[in-house]
Amino acid sequence: MFASKLVCTKCGEEYSSACGVYKCRKCGSPLDVRYHYEDIAEVIQDNDPWFREHPHMWKYWMFLPVSNLRKVVTLNEGGTRLYRVKRLEEKLGISMLYVKNEGENPTGAFKDRGSSVEITKALEFHARRVIVASTGNMAASISAYGAKAGLDVTIVVPEGTPEGKLLQARMYGAKVEVFGKTYDEALAEAERRATEEGYYLTGNYHFRVEGQKTTGFEIIDQLHFKVPDWIIVPIGAGTHLRAIWKGLKEFQRVGLIDELPRIAGVQIEGYDAIVRAWETGKPVERITEKVPTIASAIAVKKPVDGENVIRAVRESDGHLGTVTNEETLKAGMLLGREGLFVEPSSATALALARKMREEGIIESGDSVVVVATGHGLKDTDTWNRVIQS
């Protein structure tokens, strides 16, 4: 294992990579896993078999904090396809437009990348039961990987979580508990129970980041190590965007790429705490109002990685934007006409790409990758209403 230590993303406090802490004990901010990058560079330098290997998550094992690869808990996550959508290129006026279809993961969402790492780490820490707060996708994912590992899994979800996602979790044998009306309330309950009752806490923490950054690794690998101009990512807690940016910088640090793309993040209307902070220059504050949304997977009132998202977008000279329910539905229908069925939260990325092109932020000659984070079967109720109307 090349992981060297954990570092607080805000105050810089350092911890052992074998430490069971979830957040910085000094300031409460998210942690970051650091590696011995010089050693990684030696492993991959002139390693022709590695470069020729088909992209998949565990191809990038040297960038993952796992002690024993023979004990990895995997359902063959990653290796999702990168589609070029030429008719949408013409419609939107973009030179090269790709969709990274994370709905092809085992439970139908990008969450499986992080769950593979988190559940593997749970075994390394000799845990027997795990808990997670979720709006649905992570619930299904942690349940599947926990079942694979033989662990007891408890899922805490807010009211109104789509039944299809809860059905997945129940089929995997998890105990599903409804708590509160928002993700933030469910999260507070999961963290309380981890502290007071001894559960291993999974969710949007540093080990999940490490799995989810492989989305970025695969994009670059699938483009034959050519860097696109833009990568656009839906934002819920913000962890996926933070992770992708971290991975891209690590690829640059070990010499796999010479430049970095610009990163754009998209939030759904009513749940745009990060965009508001970006536009005002103020800290990310909790959304207080209740707004109907079709994008439940990213309806987070206080994103845990909000400040890290803003930092990543600033570093990349990127962009943050909000899209409406209507814009999202139109984008989802456009993807459907390309043979791609995504959940509403995924369609926000294409919706933002369209707006950015109309506003001239994306130029006609740019290459753009939109990350579709989950399969459309995750939320059939929403799409049924759209089609019937």
Protein backbone atom coordinates (compact mmCIF):
# COMPACT_ATOMS: atom_id res chain seq x y z
CA MET A 1 0.00 0.00 0.00
CA PHE A 2 1.33 3.43 -0.97
CA ALA A 3 -0.96 5.48 1.31
CA SER A 4 1.14 7.51 3.74
CA LYS A 5 -1.18 9.58 5.93
CA LEU A 6 -4.49 11.40 6.35
CA VAL A 7 -4.53 15.21 6.16
CA CYS A 8 -7.36 17.60 7.04
CA THR A 9 -8.51 19.47 3.93
CA LYS A 10 -8.98 22.67 5.94
CA CYS A 11 -6.53 23.00 8.84
CA GLY A 12 -3.84 20.54 7.71
CA GLU A 13 -3.93 18.38 10.83
CA GLU A 14 -2.33 14.98 10.10
CA TYR A 15 -3.36 11.46 11.14
CA SER A 16 -2.07 7.96 10.54
CA SER A 17 -3.50 6.27 7.45
CA ALA A 18 -4.47 3.40 9.77
CA CYS A 19 -6.47 5.72 12.02
CA GLY A 20 -10.20 5.07 12.33
CA VAL A 21 -11.18 8.75 12.37
CA TYR A 22 -13.93 9.98 10.01
CA LYS A 23 -13.39 13.74 10.22
CA CYS A 24 -10.69 16.04 11.51
CA ARG A 25 -10.78 15.91 15.30
CA LYS A 26 -9.51 19.48 15.45
CA CYS A 27 -11.92 21.32 13.14
CA GLY A 28 -14.44 18.73 11.94
CA SER A 29 -13.54 19.06 8.25
CA PRO A 30 -13.16 16.20 5.71
CA LEU A 31 -9.85 14.35 5.50
CA ASP A 32 -7.67 13.55 2.50
CA VAL A 33 -5.58 10.42 1.90
CA ARG A 34 -2.01 11.16 0.80
CA TYR A 35 0.38 8.75 -0.92
CA HIS A 36 4.06 8.16 -1.62
CA TYR A 37 3.70 9.49 -5.16
CA GLU A 38 7.34 9.00 -6.13
CA ASP A 39 6.97 5.27 -5.47
CA ILE A 40 3.77 5.12 -7.53
CA ALA A 41 5.52 6.86 -10.41
CA GLU A 42 8.23 4.18 -10.38
CA VAL A 43 5.63 1.40 -10.56
CA ILE A 44 3.83 2.80 -13.61
CA GLN A 45 6.81 4.30 -15.48
CA ASP A 46 7.29 2.48 -18.80
CA ASN A 47 4.89 -0.22 -17.58
CA ASP A 48 3.48 -1.22 -20.97
CA PRO A 49 1.21 -4.04 -19.68
CA TRP A 50 -0.40 -1.58 -17.26
CA PHE A 51 -1.07 0.98 -19.99
CA ARG A 52 -2.57 -1.69 -22.26
CA GLU A 53 -4.84 -3.09 -19.54
CA HIS A 54 -8.52 -2.27 -20.06
CA PRO A 55 -9.68 0.55 -17.75
CA HIS A 56 -11.40 -0.67 -14.60
CA MET A 57 -11.36 0.53 -11.00
CA TRP A 58 -8.78 -1.82 -9.52
CA LYS A 59 -6.34 -1.24 -12.37
CA TYR A 60 -5.43 1.83 -10.29
CA TRP A 61 -4.73 -0.14 -7.11
CA MET A 62 -1.57 1.81 -6.39
CA PHE A 63 -3.69 4.95 -5.85
CA LEU A 64 -6.04 3.16 -3.41
CA PRO A 65 -5.52 2.78 0.37
CA VAL A 66 -5.94 -1.00 0.63
CA SER A 67 -3.42 -3.15 2.49
CA ASN A 68 -4.12 -6.55 0.91
CA LEU A 69 -5.49 -6.70 -2.66
CA ARG A 70 -6.46 -10.35 -2.18
CA LYS A 71 -9.05 -9.23 0.38
CA VAL A 72 -10.69 -6.53 -1.72
CA VAL A 73 -14.50 -6.61 -1.60
CA THR A 74 -15.48 -6.22 -5.24
CA LEU A 75 -18.48 -6.76 -7.50
CA ASN A 76 -16.49 -5.75 -10.60
CA GLU A 77 -17.24 -2.07 -10.22
CA GLY A 78 -15.79 0.50 -12.59
CA GLY A 79 -14.87 0.01 -16.21
CA THR A 80 -18.01 1.92 -17.22
CA ARG A 81 -18.17 2.99 -20.82
CA LEU A 82 -17.45 6.43 -22.22
CA TYR A 83 -19.92 7.20 -25.01
CA ARG A 84 -19.43 9.81 -27.68
CA VAL A 85 -22.84 11.31 -28.50
CA LYS A 86 -22.43 12.80 -31.97
CA ARG A 87 -26.04 13.85 -32.53
CA LEU A 88 -25.97 15.79 -29.27
CA GLU A 89 -22.71 17.38 -30.37
CA GLU A 90 -24.55 18.83 -33.36
CA LYS A 91 -27.58 19.83 -31.31
CA LEU A 92 -25.57 21.59 -28.60
CA GLY A 93 -22.80 22.93 -30.85
CA ILE A 94 -19.97 21.16 -29.05
CA SER A 95 -17.06 19.67 -30.99
CA MET A 96 -16.65 16.52 -28.88
CA LEU A 97 -19.19 15.44 -26.26
CA TYR A 98 -18.91 12.29 -24.17
CA VAL A 99 -21.06 10.67 -21.50
CA LYS A 100 -19.38 8.64 -18.76
CA ASN A 101 -22.17 6.19 -17.92
CA GLU A 102 -21.78 5.32 -14.25
CA GLY A 103 -25.16 3.62 -14.28
CA GLU A 104 -23.32 0.56 -15.61
CA ASN A 105 -21.87 -0.13 -12.15
CA PRO A 106 -23.16 -3.23 -10.27
CA THR A 107 -25.92 -1.46 -8.31
CA GLY A 108 -26.55 1.12 -11.02
CA ALA A 109 -24.63 4.11 -9.65
CA PHE A 110 -21.14 5.56 -9.22
CA LYS A 111 -21.39 4.94 -5.48
CA ASP A 112 -20.10 1.38 -6.00
CA ARG A 113 -16.56 2.66 -6.52
CA GLY A 114 -16.47 4.20 -3.06
CA SER A 115 -18.37 1.33 -1.45
CA SER A 116 -15.81 -1.19 -2.63
CA VAL A 117 -13.05 0.72 -0.84
CA GLU A 118 -15.11 1.58 2.26
CA ILE A 119 -16.30 -1.98 2.89
CA THR A 120 -12.79 -3.32 2.27
CA LYS A 121 -11.52 -0.86 4.88
CA ALA A 122 -14.31 -1.92 7.25
CA LEU A 123 -12.91 -5.46 7.11
CA GLU A 124 -9.38 -4.15 7.65
CA PHE A 125 -10.66 -2.44 10.81
CA HIS A 126 -12.35 -5.73 11.86
CA ALA A 127 -15.86 -4.25 11.76
CA ARG A 128 -18.88 -6.56 11.86
CA ARG A 129 -21.64 -4.02 11.28
CA VAL A 130 -21.79 -0.82 9.28
CA ILE A 131 -24.17 2.13 9.03
CA VAL A 132 -24.74 4.76 6.37
CA ALA A 133 -27.07 7.70 5.71
CA SER A 134 -28.36 7.95 2.19
CA THR A 135 -30.99 9.31 -0.19
CA GLY A 136 -31.01 5.91 -1.89
CA ASN A 137 -28.07 5.21 -4.20
CA MET A 138 -25.50 4.83 -1.44
CA ALA A 139 -27.99 2.77 0.55
CA ALA A 140 -28.22 0.23 -2.26
CA SER A 141 -24.48 0.25 -2.84
CA ILE A 142 -23.32 -0.17 0.77
CA SER A 143 -25.96 -2.87 1.22
CA ALA A 144 -24.65 -4.84 -1.75
CA TYR A 145 -20.99 -4.62 -0.76
CA GLY A 146 -21.80 -5.24 2.89
CA ALA A 147 -23.68 -8.38 1.86
CA LYS A 148 -20.72 -9.49 -0.23
CA ALA A 149 -18.47 -9.04 2.80
CA GLY A 150 -20.87 -10.77 5.20
CA LEU A 151 -21.46 -7.65 7.32
CA ASP A 152 -24.63 -6.44 9.03
CA VAL A 153 -25.77 -3.23 7.31
CA THR A 154 -28.10 -0.53 8.65
CA ILE A 155 -29.33 2.16 6.29
CA VAL A 156 -30.76 5.48 7.53
CA VAL A 157 -32.82 7.30 4.88
CA PRO A 158 -35.03 10.40 4.98
CA GLU A 159 -38.73 10.36 4.24
CA GLY A 160 -39.58 10.27 0.52
CA THR A 161 -36.60 8.18 -0.60
CA PRO A 162 -37.55 6.43 -3.90
CA GLU A 163 -38.87 2.95 -3.20
CA GLY A 164 -36.84 1.38 -6.00
CA LYS A 165 -33.63 2.28 -4.23
CA LEU A 166 -34.89 0.97 -0.90
CA LEU A 167 -35.97 -2.25 -2.55
CA GLN A 168 -32.38 -2.79 -3.67
CA ALA A 169 -31.10 -2.32 -0.12
CA ARG A 170 -33.69 -4.70 1.31
CA MET A 171 -32.92 -7.34 -1.31
CA TYR A 172 -29.29 -7.23 -0.20
CA GLY A 173 -30.42 -7.92 3.38
CA ALA A 174 -29.91 -4.48 4.89
CA LYS A 175 -32.02 -3.06 7.69
CA VAL A 176 -33.64 0.15 6.38
CA GLU A 177 -34.69 2.83 8.85
CA VAL A 178 -36.50 6.03 7.89
CA PHE A 179 -35.37 8.99 9.97
CA GLY A 180 -36.12 12.68 9.45
CA LYS A 181 -37.28 14.61 6.44
CA THR A 182 -33.89 15.45 4.92
CA TYR A 183 -30.56 13.75 4.16
CA ASP A 184 -28.87 15.99 6.71
CA GLU A 185 -31.12 14.70 9.49
CA ALA A 186 -30.49 11.10 8.45
CA LEU A 187 -26.75 11.79 8.37
CA ALA A 188 -26.76 13.24 11.90
CA GLU A 189 -28.54 10.12 13.15
CA ALA A 190 -26.08 7.76 11.41
CA GLU A 191 -23.10 9.63 12.84
CA ARG A 192 -24.66 9.60 16.32
CA ARG A 193 -25.20 5.85 16.20
CA ALA A 194 -21.69 5.22 14.94
CA THR A 195 -20.29 7.16 17.88
CA GLU A 196 -22.63 5.82 20.55
CA GLU A 197 -23.36 2.29 19.35
CA GLY A 198 -20.10 1.24 17.70
CA TYR A 199 -21.12 0.96 14.05
CA TYR A 200 -18.48 1.40 11.35
CA LEU A 201 -19.57 4.61 9.62
CA THR A 202 -19.59 4.68 5.83
CA GLY A 203 -20.61 7.52 3.54
CA ASN A 204 -19.03 10.67 2.17
CA TYR A 205 -15.70 10.29 3.96
CA HIS A 206 -12.08 10.02 2.84
CA PHE A 207 -12.01 6.32 1.93
CA ARG A 208 -15.04 6.78 -0.33
CA VAL A 209 -13.24 9.64 -2.06
CA GLU A 210 -10.45 7.27 -3.00
CA GLY A 211 -12.78 4.89 -4.80
CA GLN A 212 -14.74 7.62 -6.52
CA LYS A 213 -11.69 9.36 -7.91
CA THR A 214 -11.25 6.40 -10.26
CA THR A 215 -14.07 7.87 -12.39
CA GLY A 216 -11.56 10.53 -13.39
CA PHE A 217 -8.79 7.99 -13.89
CA GLU A 218 -10.94 6.02 -16.31
CA ILE A 219 -12.01 9.09 -18.29
CA ILE A 220 -8.38 9.98 -18.97
CA ASP A 221 -7.45 6.35 -19.68
CA GLN A 222 -10.38 5.92 -22.10
CA LEU A 223 -9.34 9.07 -23.93
CA HIS A 224 -5.85 7.56 -24.34
CA PHE A 225 -4.41 9.98 -21.76
CA LYS A 226 -5.62 13.02 -23.64
CA VAL A 227 -7.20 15.56 -21.31
CA PRO A 228 -10.67 16.92 -22.19
CA ASP A 229 -11.36 20.63 -21.89
CA TRP A 230 -14.24 20.10 -19.44
CA ILE A 231 -15.57 17.45 -17.06
CA ILE A 232 -19.06 18.19 -15.67
CA VAL A 233 -20.23 16.47 -12.48
CA PRO A 234 -23.57 16.52 -10.59
CA ILE A 235 -23.22 17.67 -6.98
CA GLY A 236 -25.01 16.24 -3.97
CA ALA A 237 -22.62 16.09 -1.03
CA GLY A 238 -19.89 17.20 -3.44
CA THR A 239 -17.66 14.20 -2.74
CA HIS A 240 -17.61 12.86 -6.32
CA LEU A 241 -16.43 16.14 -7.84
CA ARG A 242 -13.85 16.55 -5.09
CA ALA A 243 -12.70 12.98 -5.72
CA ILE A 244 -12.41 13.31 -9.50
CA TRP A 245 -10.34 16.48 -9.14
CA LYS A 246 -8.08 14.81 -6.58
CA GLY A 247 -7.50 11.87 -8.91
CA LEU A 248 -6.71 14.09 -11.87
CA LYS A 249 -4.10 15.98 -9.86
CA GLU A 250 -2.58 12.67 -8.76
CA PHE A 251 -2.33 11.54 -12.39
CA GLN A 252 -0.52 14.78 -13.17
CA ARG A 253 1.74 14.44 -10.14
CA VAL A 254 3.03 11.02 -11.24
CA GLY A 255 3.50 12.17 -14.84
CA LEU A 256 0.56 10.44 -16.54
CA ILE A 257 -0.84 13.75 -17.84
CA ASP A 258 0.77 17.15 -18.38
CA GLU A 259 -2.30 19.36 -17.99
CA LEU A 260 -5.63 19.36 -16.18
CA PRO A 261 -9.19 19.84 -17.43
CA ARG A 262 -11.59 22.47 -16.21
CA ILE A 263 -14.17 21.12 -13.76
CA ALA A 264 -17.81 22.17 -13.66
CA GLY A 265 -20.28 21.21 -10.95
CA VAL A 266 -24.07 21.35 -11.17
CA GLN A 267 -26.73 21.55 -8.50
CA ILE A 268 -30.51 21.31 -8.85
CA GLU A 269 -32.64 24.37 -8.11
CA GLY A 270 -33.52 24.75 -4.45
CA TYR A 271 -30.51 22.72 -3.31
CA ASP A 272 -27.74 24.99 -4.56
CA ALA A 273 -25.85 25.90 -1.39
CA ILE A 274 -22.48 25.57 -3.12
CA VAL A 275 -23.47 27.72 -6.09
CA ARG A 276 -24.77 30.41 -3.75
CA ALA A 277 -21.49 30.44 -1.84
CA TRP A 278 -19.55 30.52 -5.12
CA GLU A 279 -21.50 33.53 -6.37
CA THR A 280 -21.44 35.50 -3.11
CA GLY A 281 -17.98 34.61 -1.83
CA LYS A 282 -19.47 33.53 1.49
CA PRO A 283 -19.04 30.15 3.24
CA VAL A 284 -21.35 27.30 2.25
CA GLU A 285 -24.48 27.63 4.36
CA ARG A 286 -27.34 25.21 4.95
CA ILE A 287 -30.38 25.57 2.71
CA THR A 288 -33.36 26.24 4.95
CA GLU A 289 -36.28 26.28 2.54
CA LYS A 290 -38.11 23.15 1.33
CA VAL A 291 -38.30 22.97 -2.47
CA PRO A 292 -39.91 20.20 -4.58
CA THR A 293 -37.30 18.50 -6.74
CA ILE A 294 -37.07 15.66 -9.24
CA ALA A 295 -33.40 15.09 -8.36
CA SER A 296 -33.62 13.48 -4.93
CA ALA A 297 -30.15 11.94 -5.21
CA ILE A 298 -28.51 15.36 -5.09
CA ALA A 299 -31.03 17.19 -2.89
CA VAL A 300 -28.56 17.95 -0.09
CA LYS A 301 -29.10 21.05 2.03
CA LYS A 302 -25.57 21.24 3.53
CA PRO A 303 -23.01 19.46 1.31
CA VAL A 304 -20.21 18.03 3.44
CA ASP A 305 -17.64 18.69 0.70
CA GLY A 306 -18.97 22.09 -0.33
CA GLU A 307 -15.79 24.00 0.43
CA ASN A 308 -13.68 21.34 -1.29
CA VAL A 309 -15.85 21.62 -4.39
CA ILE A 310 -15.34 25.38 -4.53
CA ARG A 311 -11.60 24.92 -4.06
CA ALA A 312 -11.45 22.40 -6.92
CA VAL A 313 -13.46 24.60 -9.27
CA ARG A 314 -11.26 27.59 -8.50
CA GLU A 315 -8.07 25.61 -9.01
CA SER A 316 -9.30 24.37 -12.38
CA ASP A 317 -10.67 27.73 -13.55
CA GLY A 318 -13.98 25.92 -13.76
CA HIS A 319 -17.63 26.71 -13.28
CA LEU A 320 -20.55 26.08 -10.93
CA GLY A 321 -24.17 26.35 -11.98
CA THR A 322 -27.76 25.51 -11.13
CA VAL A 323 -30.33 23.91 -13.42
CA THR A 324 -34.09 23.71 -13.10
CA ASN A 325 -36.32 20.66 -12.94
CA GLU A 326 -37.56 21.41 -16.45
CA GLU A 327 -34.04 21.76 -17.88
CA THR A 328 -33.08 18.48 -16.22
CA LEU A 329 -36.06 16.60 -17.63
CA LYS A 330 -35.31 17.85 -21.15
CA ALA A 331 -31.69 16.76 -20.81
CA GLY A 332 -32.75 13.31 -19.62
CA MET A 333 -35.03 12.91 -22.62
CA LEU A 334 -32.19 13.94 -24.94
CA LEU A 335 -29.94 11.28 -23.42
CA GLY A 336 -32.73 8.75 -23.83
CA ARG A 337 -32.75 9.45 -27.57
CA GLU A 338 -29.06 8.50 -27.56
CA GLY A 339 -29.87 5.14 -25.96
CA LEU A 340 -28.81 6.27 -22.48
CA PHE A 341 -31.34 5.96 -19.64
CA VAL A 342 -30.18 7.96 -16.62
CA GLU A 343 -31.80 9.04 -13.38
CA PRO A 344 -32.85 12.71 -13.16
CA SER A 345 -29.87 13.68 -10.98
CA SER A 346 -27.53 12.41 -13.70
CA ALA A 347 -29.26 14.46 -16.38
CA THR A 348 -28.32 17.68 -14.58
CA ALA A 349 -24.78 17.39 -15.99
CA LEU A 350 -25.99 17.55 -19.60
CA ALA A 351 -28.44 20.29 -18.68
CA LEU A 352 -25.56 22.40 -17.39
CA ALA A 353 -23.42 21.63 -20.45
CA ARG A 354 -26.21 22.97 -22.62
CA LYS A 355 -26.46 26.18 -20.56
CA MET A 356 -22.70 26.67 -20.51
CA ARG A 357 -22.57 26.35 -24.30
CA GLU A 358 -25.43 28.83 -24.74
CA GLU A 359 -23.65 31.29 -22.45
CA GLY A 360 -20.32 30.85 -24.26
CA ILE A 361 -18.53 29.32 -21.27
CA ILE A 362 -18.03 26.15 -23.28
CA GLU A 363 -16.67 27.01 -26.73
CA SER A 364 -17.64 25.20 -29.91
CA GLY A 365 -14.24 23.56 -30.27
CA ASP A 366 -14.13 22.19 -26.73
CA SER A 367 -14.16 18.54 -25.72
CA VAL A 368 -16.59 17.87 -22.88
CA VAL A 369 -17.28 14.84 -20.66
CA VAL A 370 -20.52 14.78 -18.68
CA VAL A 371 -20.70 12.28 -15.83
CA ALA A 372 -24.03 10.42 -15.67
CA THR A 373 -23.99 9.14 -12.11
CA GLY A 374 -26.90 6.69 -12.01
CA HIS A 375 -29.22 4.46 -14.06
CA GLY A 376 -32.74 5.59 -14.97
CA LEU A 377 -34.28 2.56 -13.30
CA LYS A 378 -33.32 4.17 -10.00
CA ASP A 379 -36.29 6.55 -10.30
CA THR A 380 -38.91 5.18 -12.68
CA ASP A 381 -41.73 7.14 -11.01
CA THR A 382 -40.31 10.46 -12.19
CA TRP A 383 -39.76 9.31 -15.75
CA ASN A 384 -43.21 7.67 -15.91
CA ARG A 385 -44.79 11.01 -15.00
CA VAL A 386 -42.77 12.78 -17.69
CA ILE A 387 -43.67 10.30 -20.42
CA GLN A 388 -47.36 10.25 -19.49
CA SER A 389 -47.52 14.03 -19.56
